[in-house]
Amino acid sequence: MENLDFSIVAPYQSILLTGLYWTLLLAITSAFFSFVLGISFALIVLYAPKLIKIPVEGFMWLFMGTPLLLQLFLIYYGLVQIGIDIPALGSGIIGLSLHFAVYNADILRAGIVAIDPGQVEGSRSIGFGRYQSIRYIVLPQAIRNTLPAMGNNMIFLLKDTSLVSVIGIAELVHGAQLAISETYSPFEFYIAVAAIYYLLNLMIILGLKFLEIRVEASR
């Protein structure tokens, strides 16, 4: 450790801050879409006609059964061959969003199934339609009950933003690699990036704890 010189990190802080910006942009945008799509997929699997349900289940199975890195390659490099040219940032957001949406959907589906059917029957008895029962009774409870698990997915999503460097997005790890290529000091920059990821994860954990406390207080 005595050979480490962290003073060399400071001159490259602009590169790391740029990487942090793209990491946060990817993580926040993908987290939002993965949450919205996760709800949509879960509701389709549980309530949609088979004509819609079966293709979505196949799509979810495909994304669960293949690694995120391969999915990013297929979206960014593969779709070009059939005339669909998506920029690197768009490819990264699409890949991360879809990859984690299927896991959020699986978690949320289990949360919906766990809701007492009597609550739905009770809501129908007071005049709620099927859509209203799902929207106002089932879905809020399922989201509340599965919040910790989906929050863990957001932590995994943040860490997996590092994979988008393979398609040319200058996120944190990519920025560190640029600095390392000039300084030949990998340990200092990788430790600095690891510390940044740790702080970001800590912020997410604290945010989730706050949400859980608020949710428990509202019960």
C-alpha atoms as a PDB file:
ATOM      1  CA  MET A   1       0.000   0.000   0.000  1.00  0.00           C
ATOM      2  CA  GLU A   2       2.934   2.353   0.590  1.00  0.00           C
ATOM      3  CA  ASN A   3       3.578   2.442  -3.170  1.00  0.00           C
ATOM      4  CA  LEU A   4       0.126   3.803  -3.910  1.00  0.00           C
ATOM      5  CA  ASP A   5      -0.167   7.447  -4.863  1.00  0.00           C
ATOM      6  CA  PHE A   6      -3.770   8.646  -4.841  1.00  0.00           C
ATOM      7  CA  SER A   7      -2.690  12.191  -5.663  1.00  0.00           C
ATOM      8  CA  ILE A   8      -2.633  11.162  -9.331  1.00  0.00           C
ATOM      9  CA  VAL A   9      -6.434  10.741  -9.231  1.00  0.00           C
ATOM     10  CA  ALA A  10      -7.142  14.460  -8.705  1.00  0.00           C
ATOM     11  CA  PRO A  11      -5.969  15.646 -12.167  1.00  0.00           C
ATOM     12  CA  TYR A  12      -8.381  13.157 -13.755  1.00  0.00           C
ATOM     13  CA  GLN A  13     -11.394  14.056 -11.658  1.00  0.00           C
ATOM     14  CA  SER A  14     -13.153  15.615 -14.654  1.00  0.00           C
ATOM     15  CA  ILE A  15     -12.990  12.272 -16.462  1.00  0.00           C
ATOM     16  CA  LEU A  16     -14.362  10.472 -13.411  1.00  0.00           C
ATOM     17  CA  LEU A  17     -17.101  13.072 -12.913  1.00  0.00           C
ATOM     18  CA  THR A  18     -18.117  12.678 -16.548  1.00  0.00           C
ATOM     19  CA  GLY A  19     -18.234   8.927 -16.008  1.00  0.00           C
ATOM     20  CA  LEU A  20     -20.303   9.461 -12.858  1.00  0.00           C
ATOM     21  CA  TYR A  21     -22.755  11.602 -14.826  1.00  0.00           C
ATOM     22  CA  TRP A  22     -23.306   8.904 -17.465  1.00  0.00           C
ATOM     23  CA  THR A  23     -23.525   6.205 -14.799  1.00  0.00           C
ATOM     24  CA  LEU A  24     -26.237   8.107 -12.943  1.00  0.00           C
ATOM     25  CA  LEU A  25     -28.089   8.909 -16.166  1.00  0.00           C
ATOM     26  CA  LEU A  26     -28.070   5.259 -17.169  1.00  0.00           C
ATOM     27  CA  ALA A  27     -29.021   4.009 -13.711  1.00  0.00           C
ATOM     28  CA  ILE A  28     -31.855   6.457 -13.032  1.00  0.00           C
ATOM     29  CA  THR A  29     -33.391   6.219 -16.505  1.00  0.00           C
ATOM     30  CA  SER A  30     -33.109   2.437 -16.670  1.00  0.00           C
ATOM     31  CA  ALA A  31     -34.452   2.037 -13.123  1.00  0.00           C
ATOM     32  CA  PHE A  32     -37.545   4.056 -14.037  1.00  0.00           C
ATOM     33  CA  PHE A  33     -38.258   2.112 -17.223  1.00  0.00           C
ATOM     34  CA  SER A  34     -37.499  -1.245 -15.602  1.00  0.00           C
ATOM     35  CA  PHE A  35     -40.007  -0.450 -12.855  1.00  0.00           C
ATOM     36  CA  VAL A  36     -42.751   0.656 -15.277  1.00  0.00           C
ATOM     37  CA  LEU A  37     -42.130  -2.249 -17.656  1.00  0.00           C
ATOM     38  CA  GLY A  38     -41.913  -4.663 -14.735  1.00  0.00           C
ATOM     39  CA  ILE A  39     -45.416  -3.673 -13.628  1.00  0.00           C
ATOM     40  CA  SER A  40     -46.689  -3.999 -17.198  1.00  0.00           C
ATOM     41  CA  PHE A  41     -45.120  -7.441 -17.720  1.00  0.00           C
ATOM     42  CA  ALA A  42     -46.438  -8.726 -14.381  1.00  0.00           C
ATOM     43  CA  LEU A  43     -49.984  -7.595 -15.140  1.00  0.00           C
ATOM     44  CA  ILE A  44     -49.850  -9.075 -18.648  1.00  0.00           C
ATOM     45  CA  VAL A  45     -48.626 -12.437 -17.364  1.00  0.00           C
ATOM     46  CA  LEU A  46     -51.362 -12.580 -14.736  1.00  0.00           C
ATOM     47  CA  TYR A  47     -54.343 -11.020 -16.472  1.00  0.00           C
ATOM     48  CA  ALA A  48     -53.859 -10.686 -20.247  1.00  0.00           C
ATOM     49  CA  PRO A  49     -55.312 -13.099 -22.854  1.00  0.00           C
ATOM     50  CA  LYS A  50     -53.037 -15.950 -23.933  1.00  0.00           C
ATOM     51  CA  LEU A  51     -52.433 -14.308 -27.294  1.00  0.00           C
ATOM     52  CA  ILE A  52     -50.546 -11.531 -25.483  1.00  0.00           C
ATOM     53  CA  LYS A  53     -49.464 -13.430 -22.383  1.00  0.00           C
ATOM     54  CA  ILE A  54     -47.503 -16.228 -24.089  1.00  0.00           C
ATOM     55  CA  PRO A  55     -45.208 -13.974 -26.187  1.00  0.00           C
ATOM     56  CA  VAL A  56     -44.439 -11.839 -23.116  1.00  0.00           C
ATOM     57  CA  GLU A  57     -43.639 -14.946 -21.060  1.00  0.00           C
ATOM     58  CA  GLY A  58     -41.331 -16.125 -23.843  1.00  0.00           C
ATOM     59  CA  PHE A  59     -39.655 -12.729 -23.940  1.00  0.00           C
ATOM     60  CA  MET A  60     -39.137 -12.797 -20.160  1.00  0.00           C
ATOM     61  CA  TRP A  61     -37.741 -16.310 -20.302  1.00  0.00           C
ATOM     62  CA  LEU A  62     -35.300 -15.218 -23.015  1.00  0.00           C
ATOM     63  CA  PHE A  63     -34.008 -12.241 -21.038  1.00  0.00           C
ATOM     64  CA  MET A  64     -33.742 -14.234 -17.814  1.00  0.00           C
ATOM     65  CA  GLY A  65     -31.839 -17.018 -19.523  1.00  0.00           C
ATOM     66  CA  THR A  66     -29.155 -14.903 -21.222  1.00  0.00           C
ATOM     67  CA  PRO A  67     -26.477 -12.612 -19.754  1.00  0.00           C
ATOM     68  CA  LEU A  68     -26.850  -8.847 -19.868  1.00  0.00           C
ATOM     69  CA  LEU A  69     -23.570  -8.469 -21.756  1.00  0.00           C
ATOM     70  CA  LEU A  70     -24.879 -10.616 -24.612  1.00  0.00           C
ATOM     71  CA  GLN A  71     -28.122  -8.646 -24.672  1.00  0.00           C
ATOM     72  CA  LEU A  72     -26.202  -5.370 -24.982  1.00  0.00           C
ATOM     73  CA  PHE A  73     -24.166  -6.781 -27.863  1.00  0.00           C
ATOM     74  CA  LEU A  74     -27.307  -7.978 -29.651  1.00  0.00           C
ATOM     75  CA  ILE A  75     -29.112  -4.646 -29.221  1.00  0.00           C
ATOM     76  CA  TYR A  76     -26.172  -2.449 -30.212  1.00  0.00           C
ATOM     77  CA  TYR A  77     -24.347  -4.560 -32.808  1.00  0.00           C
ATOM     78  CA  GLY A  78     -26.933  -7.146 -33.841  1.00  0.00           C
ATOM     79  CA  LEU A  79     -29.925  -4.953 -34.659  1.00  0.00           C
ATOM     80  CA  VAL A  80     -27.849  -2.910 -37.099  1.00  0.00           C
ATOM     81  CA  GLN A  81     -27.759  -5.944 -39.391  1.00  0.00           C
ATOM     82  CA  ILE A  82     -31.533  -5.809 -39.778  1.00  0.00           C
ATOM     83  CA  GLY A  83     -31.607  -2.048 -40.292  1.00  0.00           C
ATOM     84  CA  ILE A  84     -32.234  -0.906 -36.710  1.00  0.00           C
ATOM     85  CA  ASP A  85     -29.432   1.445 -35.679  1.00  0.00           C
ATOM     86  CA  ILE A  86     -29.731   2.451 -32.024  1.00  0.00           C
ATOM     87  CA  PRO A  87     -27.135   4.827 -30.497  1.00  0.00           C
ATOM     88  CA  ALA A  88     -24.944   3.496 -27.710  1.00  0.00           C
ATOM     89  CA  LEU A  89     -26.768   5.379 -24.953  1.00  0.00           C
ATOM     90  CA  GLY A  90     -30.145   4.195 -26.181  1.00  0.00           C
ATOM     91  CA  SER A  91     -28.882   0.630 -26.462  1.00  0.00           C
ATOM     92  CA  GLY A  92     -27.538   0.748 -22.922  1.00  0.00           C
ATOM     93  CA  ILE A  93     -30.804   2.077 -21.508  1.00  0.00           C
ATOM     94  CA  ILE A  94     -32.890  -0.437 -23.474  1.00  0.00           C
ATOM     95  CA  GLY A  95     -30.680  -3.345 -22.453  1.00  0.00           C
ATOM     96  CA  LEU A  96     -30.583  -2.448 -18.755  1.00  0.00           C
ATOM     97  CA  SER A  97     -34.287  -1.580 -18.653  1.00  0.00           C
ATOM     98  CA  LEU A  98     -35.469  -4.798 -20.273  1.00  0.00           C
ATOM     99  CA  HIS A  99     -33.019  -7.000 -18.368  1.00  0.00           C
ATOM    100  CA  PHE A 100     -34.145  -5.755 -14.969  1.00  0.00           C
ATOM    101  CA  ALA A 101     -37.791  -5.293 -15.969  1.00  0.00           C
ATOM    102  CA  VAL A 102     -38.231  -9.053 -16.306  1.00  0.00           C
ATOM    103  CA  TYR A 103     -36.814  -9.617 -12.820  1.00  0.00           C
ATOM    104  CA  ASN A 104     -38.990  -6.852 -11.375  1.00  0.00           C
ATOM    105  CA  ALA A 105     -41.966  -8.417 -13.137  1.00  0.00           C
ATOM    106  CA  ASP A 106     -41.255 -11.821 -11.607  1.00  0.00           C
ATOM    107  CA  ILE A 107     -40.958 -10.308  -8.136  1.00  0.00           C
ATOM    108  CA  LEU A 108     -44.111  -8.245  -8.564  1.00  0.00           C
ATOM    109  CA  ARG A 109     -46.050 -11.179  -9.982  1.00  0.00           C
ATOM    110  CA  ALA A 110     -45.284 -13.157  -6.837  1.00  0.00           C
ATOM    111  CA  GLY A 111     -46.323 -10.159  -4.745  1.00  0.00           C
ATOM    112  CA  ILE A 112     -49.660  -9.886  -6.547  1.00  0.00           C
ATOM    113  CA  VAL A 113     -50.369 -13.607  -6.196  1.00  0.00           C
ATOM    114  CA  ALA A 114     -49.687 -13.340  -2.457  1.00  0.00           C
ATOM    115  CA  ILE A 115     -52.457 -10.749  -1.965  1.00  0.00           C
ATOM    116  CA  ASP A 116     -55.471 -12.225  -0.186  1.00  0.00           C
ATOM    117  CA  PRO A 117     -58.140 -12.901  -2.867  1.00  0.00           C
ATOM    118  CA  GLY A 118     -60.747 -11.864  -0.332  1.00  0.00           C
ATOM    119  CA  GLN A 119     -59.617  -8.262  -0.691  1.00  0.00           C
ATOM    120  CA  VAL A 120     -60.379  -8.340  -4.414  1.00  0.00           C
ATOM    121  CA  GLU A 121     -63.738  -9.965  -3.780  1.00  0.00           C
ATOM    122  CA  GLY A 122     -64.496  -7.326  -1.164  1.00  0.00           C
ATOM    123  CA  SER A 123     -63.615  -4.512  -3.552  1.00  0.00           C
ATOM    124  CA  ARG A 124     -65.838  -6.019  -6.240  1.00  0.00           C
ATOM    125  CA  SER A 125     -68.705  -6.239  -3.754  1.00  0.00           C
ATOM    126  CA  ILE A 126     -68.581  -2.470  -3.182  1.00  0.00           C
ATOM    127  CA  GLY A 127     -68.715  -1.711  -6.885  1.00  0.00           C
ATOM    128  CA  PHE A 128     -65.091  -1.777  -8.037  1.00  0.00           C
ATOM    129  CA  GLY A 129     -64.509  -3.192 -11.497  1.00  0.00           C
ATOM    130  CA  ARG A 130     -61.629  -5.516 -12.279  1.00  0.00           C
ATOM    131  CA  TYR A 131     -59.377  -2.703 -13.439  1.00  0.00           C
ATOM    132  CA  GLN A 132     -60.162  -0.589 -10.382  1.00  0.00           C
ATOM    133  CA  SER A 133     -59.516  -3.526  -8.035  1.00  0.00           C
ATOM    134  CA  ILE A 134     -56.110  -4.118  -9.572  1.00  0.00           C
ATOM    135  CA  ARG A 135     -55.177  -0.443  -9.639  1.00  0.00           C
ATOM    136  CA  TYR A 136     -56.373   0.624  -6.199  1.00  0.00           C
ATOM    137  CA  ILE A 137     -56.265  -2.575  -4.121  1.00  0.00           C
ATOM    138  CA  VAL A 138     -53.878  -5.173  -5.532  1.00  0.00           C
ATOM    139  CA  LEU A 139     -51.079  -3.219  -7.184  1.00  0.00           C
ATOM    140  CA  PRO A 140     -50.318  -0.746  -4.360  1.00  0.00           C
ATOM    141  CA  GLN A 141     -50.048  -3.569  -1.828  1.00  0.00           C
ATOM    142  CA  ALA A 142     -47.905  -5.705  -4.131  1.00  0.00           C
ATOM    143  CA  ILE A 143     -45.499  -2.827  -4.810  1.00  0.00           C
ATOM    144  CA  ARG A 144     -45.295  -2.032  -1.096  1.00  0.00           C
ATOM    145  CA  ASN A 145     -44.595  -5.667  -0.170  1.00  0.00           C
ATOM    146  CA  THR A 146     -41.983  -6.178  -2.887  1.00  0.00           C
ATOM    147  CA  LEU A 147     -40.218  -2.840  -2.489  1.00  0.00           C
ATOM    148  CA  PRO A 148     -37.126  -4.291  -0.714  1.00  0.00           C
ATOM    149  CA  ALA A 149     -36.604  -6.948  -3.399  1.00  0.00           C
ATOM    150  CA  MET A 150     -37.038  -4.496  -6.265  1.00  0.00           C
ATOM    151  CA  GLY A 151     -34.745  -2.078  -4.439  1.00  0.00           C
ATOM    152  CA  ASN A 152     -32.054  -4.753  -4.421  1.00  0.00           C
ATOM    153  CA  ASN A 153     -32.514  -5.030  -8.172  1.00  0.00           C
ATOM    154  CA  MET A 154     -31.795  -1.315  -8.466  1.00  0.00           C
ATOM    155  CA  ILE A 155     -28.498  -1.838  -6.643  1.00  0.00           C
ATOM    156  CA  PHE A 156     -27.595  -4.611  -9.087  1.00  0.00           C
ATOM    157  CA  LEU A 157     -28.633  -2.337 -11.964  1.00  0.00           C
ATOM    158  CA  LEU A 158     -26.333   0.428 -10.765  1.00  0.00           C
ATOM    159  CA  LYS A 159     -23.381  -1.949 -10.638  1.00  0.00           C
ATOM    160  CA  ASP A 160     -24.224  -3.453 -14.017  1.00  0.00           C
ATOM    161  CA  THR A 161     -24.055  -0.033 -15.683  1.00  0.00           C
ATOM    162  CA  SER A 162     -20.311  -0.773 -15.852  1.00  0.00           C
ATOM    163  CA  LEU A 163     -21.062  -3.308 -18.595  1.00  0.00           C
ATOM    164  CA  VAL A 164     -22.169  -0.625 -21.045  1.00  0.00           C
ATOM    165  CA  SER A 165     -18.523   0.402 -21.440  1.00  0.00           C
ATOM    166  CA  VAL A 166     -18.251  -2.462 -23.946  1.00  0.00           C
ATOM    167  CA  ILE A 167     -20.479  -0.524 -26.360  1.00  0.00           C
ATOM    168  CA  GLY A 168     -18.538   2.705 -25.941  1.00  0.00           C
ATOM    169  CA  ILE A 169     -20.377   4.627 -23.228  1.00  0.00           C
ATOM    170  CA  ALA A 170     -17.906   6.534 -21.037  1.00  0.00           C
ATOM    171  CA  GLU A 171     -19.355   5.614 -17.652  1.00  0.00           C
ATOM    172  CA  LEU A 172     -17.277   5.329 -14.456  1.00  0.00           C
ATOM    173  CA  VAL A 173     -15.266   2.212 -15.279  1.00  0.00           C
ATOM    174  CA  HIS A 174     -14.637   3.416 -18.811  1.00  0.00           C
ATOM    175  CA  GLY A 175     -13.431   6.760 -17.438  1.00  0.00           C
ATOM    176  CA  ALA A 176     -11.087   4.968 -15.035  1.00  0.00           C
ATOM    177  CA  GLN A 177      -9.691   2.926 -17.909  1.00  0.00           C
ATOM    178  CA  LEU A 178      -8.977   6.089 -19.879  1.00  0.00           C
ATOM    179  CA  ALA A 179      -7.076   7.547 -16.925  1.00  0.00           C
ATOM    180  CA  ILE A 180      -5.208   4.285 -16.377  1.00  0.00           C
ATOM    181  CA  SER A 181      -4.120   4.214 -20.022  1.00  0.00           C
ATOM    182  CA  GLU A 182      -2.291   7.500 -19.398  1.00  0.00           C
ATOM    183  CA  THR A 183      -0.979   6.952 -15.866  1.00  0.00           C
ATOM    184  CA  TYR A 184      -0.394   3.168 -15.782  1.00  0.00           C
ATOM    185  CA  SER A 185      -1.704   3.217 -12.211  1.00  0.00           C
ATOM    186  CA  PRO A 186      -4.727   0.920 -12.209  1.00  0.00           C
ATOM    187  CA  PHE A 187      -4.992   0.293  -8.485  1.00  0.00           C
ATOM    188  CA  GLU A 188      -5.534   3.923  -7.482  1.00  0.00           C
ATOM    189  CA  PHE A 189      -8.251   4.555 -10.068  1.00  0.00           C
ATOM    190  CA  TYR A 190     -10.076   1.287  -9.534  1.00  0.00           C
ATOM    191  CA  ILE A 191     -10.132   1.912  -5.780  1.00  0.00           C
ATOM    192  CA  ALA A 192     -11.451   5.439  -6.402  1.00  0.00           C
ATOM    193  CA  VAL A 193     -14.206   4.083  -8.668  1.00  0.00           C
ATOM    194  CA  ALA A 194     -15.022   1.336  -6.153  1.00  0.00           C
ATOM    195  CA  ALA A 195     -15.410   3.995  -3.441  1.00  0.00           C
ATOM    196  CA  ILE A 196     -17.783   5.991  -5.677  1.00  0.00           C
ATOM    197  CA  TYR A 197     -19.895   2.900  -6.379  1.00  0.00           C
ATOM    198  CA  TYR A 198     -19.967   2.115  -2.668  1.00  0.00           C
ATOM    199  CA  LEU A 199     -21.220   5.622  -1.841  1.00  0.00           C
ATOM    200  CA  LEU A 200     -23.895   5.418  -4.551  1.00  0.00           C
ATOM    201  CA  ASN A 201     -25.047   2.033  -3.260  1.00  0.00           C
ATOM    202  CA  LEU A 202     -25.114   3.399   0.276  1.00  0.00           C
ATOM    203  CA  MET A 203     -27.331   6.258  -0.883  1.00  0.00           C
ATOM    204  CA  ILE A 204     -29.722   3.788  -2.523  1.00  0.00           C
ATOM    205  CA  ILE A 205     -29.833   1.638   0.614  1.00  0.00           C
ATOM    206  CA  LEU A 206     -30.546   4.642   2.826  1.00  0.00           C
ATOM    207  CA  GLY A 207     -33.220   5.813   0.382  1.00  0.00           C
ATOM    208  CA  LEU A 208     -34.864   2.386   0.454  1.00  0.00           C
ATOM    209  CA  LYS A 209     -34.759   2.327   4.260  1.00  0.00           C
ATOM    210  CA  PHE A 210     -36.472   5.711   4.307  1.00  0.00           C
ATOM    211  CA  LEU A 211     -39.148   4.481   1.897  1.00  0.00           C
ATOM    212  CA  GLU A 212     -39.704   1.323   3.943  1.00  0.00           C
ATOM    213  CA  ILE A 213     -40.154   3.380   7.107  1.00  0.00           C
ATOM    214  CA  ARG A 214     -42.641   5.657   5.347  1.00  0.00           C
ATOM    215  CA  VAL A 215     -44.513   2.664   3.941  1.00  0.00           C
ATOM    216  CA  GLU A 216     -44.699   0.967   7.352  1.00  0.00           C
ATOM    217  CA  ALA A 217     -45.929   4.200   8.915  1.00  0.00           C
ATOM    218  CA  SER A 218     -48.714   4.427   6.313  1.00  0.00           C
ATOM    219  CA  ARG A 219     -50.053   0.930   6.968  1.00  0.00           C
END
